[in-house]
Amino acid sequence: MDAFMQAAIDEARRGLGEGGIPIGSVLVHDGRIIGRGHNRRVQEGSAILHGEMDAIENAGRHPAAVYRASTVYTTLSPCAMCSGTILLYGIRPSWARRRCCARAASRSWCCRMPPAAS
């Protein structure tokens, strides 16, 4: 598995461990992660803290050229808000190419994540 997608999966696990929705994301520039995030809507009571938004926010401020030369890795296809942000910043997308469902109420989900590395 790609190391950056694995990092996004690790972020999703982190979110799940916090009692949130297991969606993770990382922003990569020049072969290194500049921002990590996971869905924190439940934890923070936020309408907009999706995994992608959290990763972009955590990357901090960069020149526009950095975002245009970056790739976002996320464990679920982005929603309209996150897709719009990715397009606005000119970030290249890369996400798990499968449909997933996250059921926050039961803390169960249909994605089959690989087991955590030992």
C-alpha atoms as a PDB file:
ATOM      1  CA  MET A   1       0.000   0.000   0.000  1.00  0.00           C
ATOM      2  CA  ASP A   2       1.133   3.536  -0.730  1.00  0.00           C
ATOM      3  CA  ALA A   3       2.740   5.108   2.369  1.00  0.00           C
ATOM      4  CA  PHE A   4       0.662   8.282   2.015  1.00  0.00           C
ATOM      5  CA  MET A   5      -2.614   6.381   1.786  1.00  0.00           C
ATOM      6  CA  GLN A   6      -1.487   4.394   4.822  1.00  0.00           C
ATOM      7  CA  ALA A   7      -0.946   7.698   6.654  1.00  0.00           C
ATOM      8  CA  ALA A   8      -4.514   8.732   5.729  1.00  0.00           C
ATOM      9  CA  ILE A   9      -5.796   5.396   7.051  1.00  0.00           C
ATOM     10  CA  ASP A  10      -3.844   5.959  10.264  1.00  0.00           C
ATOM     11  CA  GLU A  11      -5.564   9.346  10.611  1.00  0.00           C
ATOM     12  CA  ALA A  12      -8.950   7.659  10.101  1.00  0.00           C
ATOM     13  CA  ARG A  13      -8.106   5.214  12.883  1.00  0.00           C
ATOM     14  CA  ARG A  14      -7.099   8.116  15.094  1.00  0.00           C
ATOM     15  CA  GLY A  15     -10.478   9.761  14.497  1.00  0.00           C
ATOM     16  CA  LEU A  16     -12.311   6.537  15.275  1.00  0.00           C
ATOM     17  CA  GLY A  17     -10.277   6.181  18.472  1.00  0.00           C
ATOM     18  CA  GLU A  18     -11.449   9.658  19.496  1.00  0.00           C
ATOM     19  CA  GLY A  19     -15.063   8.584  19.056  1.00  0.00           C
ATOM     20  CA  GLY A  20     -15.460  10.291  15.687  1.00  0.00           C
ATOM     21  CA  ILE A  21     -16.188   9.326  12.103  1.00  0.00           C
ATOM     22  CA  PRO A  22     -13.254   7.326  10.654  1.00  0.00           C
ATOM     23  CA  ILE A  23     -12.186   9.438   7.670  1.00  0.00           C
ATOM     24  CA  GLY A  24      -8.555  10.500   7.383  1.00  0.00           C
ATOM     25  CA  SER A  25      -6.528  12.637   5.032  1.00  0.00           C
ATOM     26  CA  VAL A  26      -2.984  13.845   4.415  1.00  0.00           C
ATOM     27  CA  LEU A  27      -1.655  16.643   2.207  1.00  0.00           C
ATOM     28  CA  VAL A  28       1.618  15.798   0.456  1.00  0.00           C
ATOM     29  CA  HIS A  29       4.105  18.179  -1.181  1.00  0.00           C
ATOM     30  CA  ASP A  30       7.443  17.148  -2.682  1.00  0.00           C
ATOM     31  CA  GLY A  31       7.210  13.667  -1.216  1.00  0.00           C
ATOM     32  CA  ARG A  32       6.539  14.701   2.375  1.00  0.00           C
ATOM     33  CA  ILE A  33       3.387  15.135   4.419  1.00  0.00           C
ATOM     34  CA  ILE A  34       2.751  18.809   5.152  1.00  0.00           C
ATOM     35  CA  GLY A  35      -0.693  18.383   6.717  1.00  0.00           C
ATOM     36  CA  ARG A  36      -2.558  15.584   8.486  1.00  0.00           C
ATOM     37  CA  GLY A  37      -6.177  15.488   9.494  1.00  0.00           C
ATOM     38  CA  HIS A  38      -9.195  13.393  10.291  1.00  0.00           C
ATOM     39  CA  ASN A  39     -12.896  14.021  10.501  1.00  0.00           C
ATOM     40  CA  ARG A  40     -13.478  15.878  13.781  1.00  0.00           C
ATOM     41  CA  ARG A  41     -17.126  16.861  13.334  1.00  0.00           C
ATOM     42  CA  VAL A  42     -18.271  14.792  16.313  1.00  0.00           C
ATOM     43  CA  GLN A  43     -15.345  15.632  18.589  1.00  0.00           C
ATOM     44  CA  GLU A  44     -15.490  19.396  17.966  1.00  0.00           C
ATOM     45  CA  GLY A  45     -19.189  19.771  17.191  1.00  0.00           C
ATOM     46  CA  SER A  46     -18.161  21.256  13.841  1.00  0.00           C
ATOM     47  CA  ALA A  47     -20.051  21.274  10.564  1.00  0.00           C
ATOM     48  CA  ILE A  48     -16.881  21.668   8.463  1.00  0.00           C
ATOM     49  CA  LEU A  49     -14.046  19.722  10.093  1.00  0.00           C
ATOM     50  CA  HIS A  50     -13.959  16.929   7.553  1.00  0.00           C
ATOM     51  CA  GLY A  51     -10.698  15.014   7.141  1.00  0.00           C
ATOM     52  CA  GLU A  52      -9.609  16.966   4.062  1.00  0.00           C
ATOM     53  CA  MET A  53     -10.402  20.337   5.602  1.00  0.00           C
ATOM     54  CA  ASP A  54      -8.538  19.372   8.779  1.00  0.00           C
ATOM     55  CA  ALA A  55      -5.451  18.296   6.795  1.00  0.00           C
ATOM     56  CA  ILE A  56      -5.423  21.521   4.744  1.00  0.00           C
ATOM     57  CA  GLU A  57      -5.886  23.611   7.893  1.00  0.00           C
ATOM     58  CA  ASN A  58      -3.121  21.725   9.695  1.00  0.00           C
ATOM     59  CA  ALA A  59      -0.757  22.259   6.762  1.00  0.00           C
ATOM     60  CA  GLY A  60      -0.651  25.945   7.661  1.00  0.00           C
ATOM     61  CA  ARG A  61      -0.205  28.817   5.239  1.00  0.00           C
ATOM     62  CA  HIS A  62       1.733  28.192   2.039  1.00  0.00           C
ATOM     63  CA  PRO A  63       2.119  29.990  -1.278  1.00  0.00           C
ATOM     64  CA  ALA A  64      -0.477  29.015  -3.875  1.00  0.00           C
ATOM     65  CA  ALA A  65       2.220  27.189  -5.859  1.00  0.00           C
ATOM     66  CA  VAL A  66       2.741  24.748  -2.984  1.00  0.00           C
ATOM     67  CA  TYR A  67      -0.935  23.764  -2.966  1.00  0.00           C
ATOM     68  CA  ARG A  68      -0.974  23.408  -6.762  1.00  0.00           C
ATOM     69  CA  ALA A  69       2.008  21.056  -6.515  1.00  0.00           C
ATOM     70  CA  SER A  70       0.446  19.021  -3.675  1.00  0.00           C
ATOM     71  CA  THR A  71      -1.700  15.906  -3.572  1.00  0.00           C
ATOM     72  CA  VAL A  72      -4.393  15.141  -1.010  1.00  0.00           C
ATOM     73  CA  TYR A  73      -4.830  11.515   0.029  1.00  0.00           C
ATOM     74  CA  THR A  74      -8.117  10.696   1.692  1.00  0.00           C
ATOM     75  CA  THR A  75      -9.854   7.502   2.745  1.00  0.00           C
ATOM     76  CA  LEU A  76     -13.224   8.450   1.273  1.00  0.00           C
ATOM     77  CA  SER A  77     -14.201  10.330  -1.864  1.00  0.00           C
ATOM     78  CA  PRO A  78     -14.550  13.991  -0.822  1.00  0.00           C
ATOM     79  CA  CYS A  79     -17.937  15.643  -0.344  1.00  0.00           C
ATOM     80  CA  ALA A  80     -18.928  18.729  -2.338  1.00  0.00           C
ATOM     81  CA  MET A  81     -17.420  21.113   0.241  1.00  0.00           C
ATOM     82  CA  CYS A  82     -14.078  19.325   0.359  1.00  0.00           C
ATOM     83  CA  SER A  83     -14.003  18.802  -3.423  1.00  0.00           C
ATOM     84  CA  GLY A  84     -14.622  22.509  -3.927  1.00  0.00           C
ATOM     85  CA  THR A  85     -11.773  23.384  -1.575  1.00  0.00           C
ATOM     86  CA  ILE A  86      -9.435  20.927  -3.299  1.00  0.00           C
ATOM     87  CA  LEU A  87     -10.363  22.423  -6.694  1.00  0.00           C
ATOM     88  CA  LEU A  88     -10.057  26.009  -5.428  1.00  0.00           C
ATOM     89  CA  TYR A  89      -6.543  25.373  -4.119  1.00  0.00           C
ATOM     90  CA  GLY A  90      -5.586  23.387  -7.236  1.00  0.00           C
ATOM     91  CA  ILE A  91      -4.626  20.339  -5.172  1.00  0.00           C
ATOM     92  CA  ARG A  92      -4.393  16.986  -6.941  1.00  0.00           C
ATOM     93  CA  PRO A  93      -6.769  14.413  -5.429  1.00  0.00           C
ATOM     94  CA  SER A  94      -6.030  10.777  -4.592  1.00  0.00           C
ATOM     95  CA  TRP A  95      -8.538   8.765  -2.607  1.00  0.00           C
ATOM     96  CA  ALA A  96      -9.614   5.238  -1.898  1.00  0.00           C
ATOM     97  CA  ARG A  97     -11.559   4.184  -4.974  1.00  0.00           C
ATOM     98  CA  ARG A  98     -14.406   2.490  -3.168  1.00  0.00           C
ATOM     99  CA  ARG A  99     -17.705   3.458  -1.673  1.00  0.00           C
ATOM    100  CA  CYS A 100     -17.721   3.450   2.089  1.00  0.00           C
ATOM    101  CA  CYS A 101     -20.291   4.199   4.676  1.00  0.00           C
ATOM    102  CA  ALA A 102     -19.579   5.514   8.126  1.00  0.00           C
ATOM    103  CA  ARG A 103     -22.272   4.997  10.713  1.00  0.00           C
ATOM    104  CA  ALA A 104     -21.232   7.195  13.593  1.00  0.00           C
ATOM    105  CA  ALA A 105     -24.080   6.131  15.860  1.00  0.00           C
ATOM    106  CA  SER A 106     -22.980   2.498  15.989  1.00  0.00           C
ATOM    107  CA  ARG A 107     -19.287   3.236  15.444  1.00  0.00           C
ATOM    108  CA  SER A 108     -19.306   0.524  12.791  1.00  0.00           C
ATOM    109  CA  TRP A 109     -18.485   1.000   9.144  1.00  0.00           C
ATOM    110  CA  CYS A 110     -18.453  -1.045   5.996  1.00  0.00           C
ATOM    111  CA  CYS A 111     -14.942  -0.172   4.811  1.00  0.00           C
ATOM    112  CA  ARG A 112     -12.501  -3.001   5.180  1.00  0.00           C
ATOM    113  CA  MET A 113      -9.407  -1.216   6.422  1.00  0.00           C
ATOM    114  CA  PRO A 114      -6.191  -3.233   6.514  1.00  0.00           C
ATOM    115  CA  PRO A 115      -5.215  -4.162  10.064  1.00  0.00           C
ATOM    116  CA  ALA A 116      -2.923  -1.776  11.925  1.00  0.00           C
ATOM    117  CA  ALA A 117       0.775  -2.516  11.510  1.00  0.00           C
ATOM    118  CA  SER A 118       2.283  -4.290  14.507  1.00  0.00           C
END
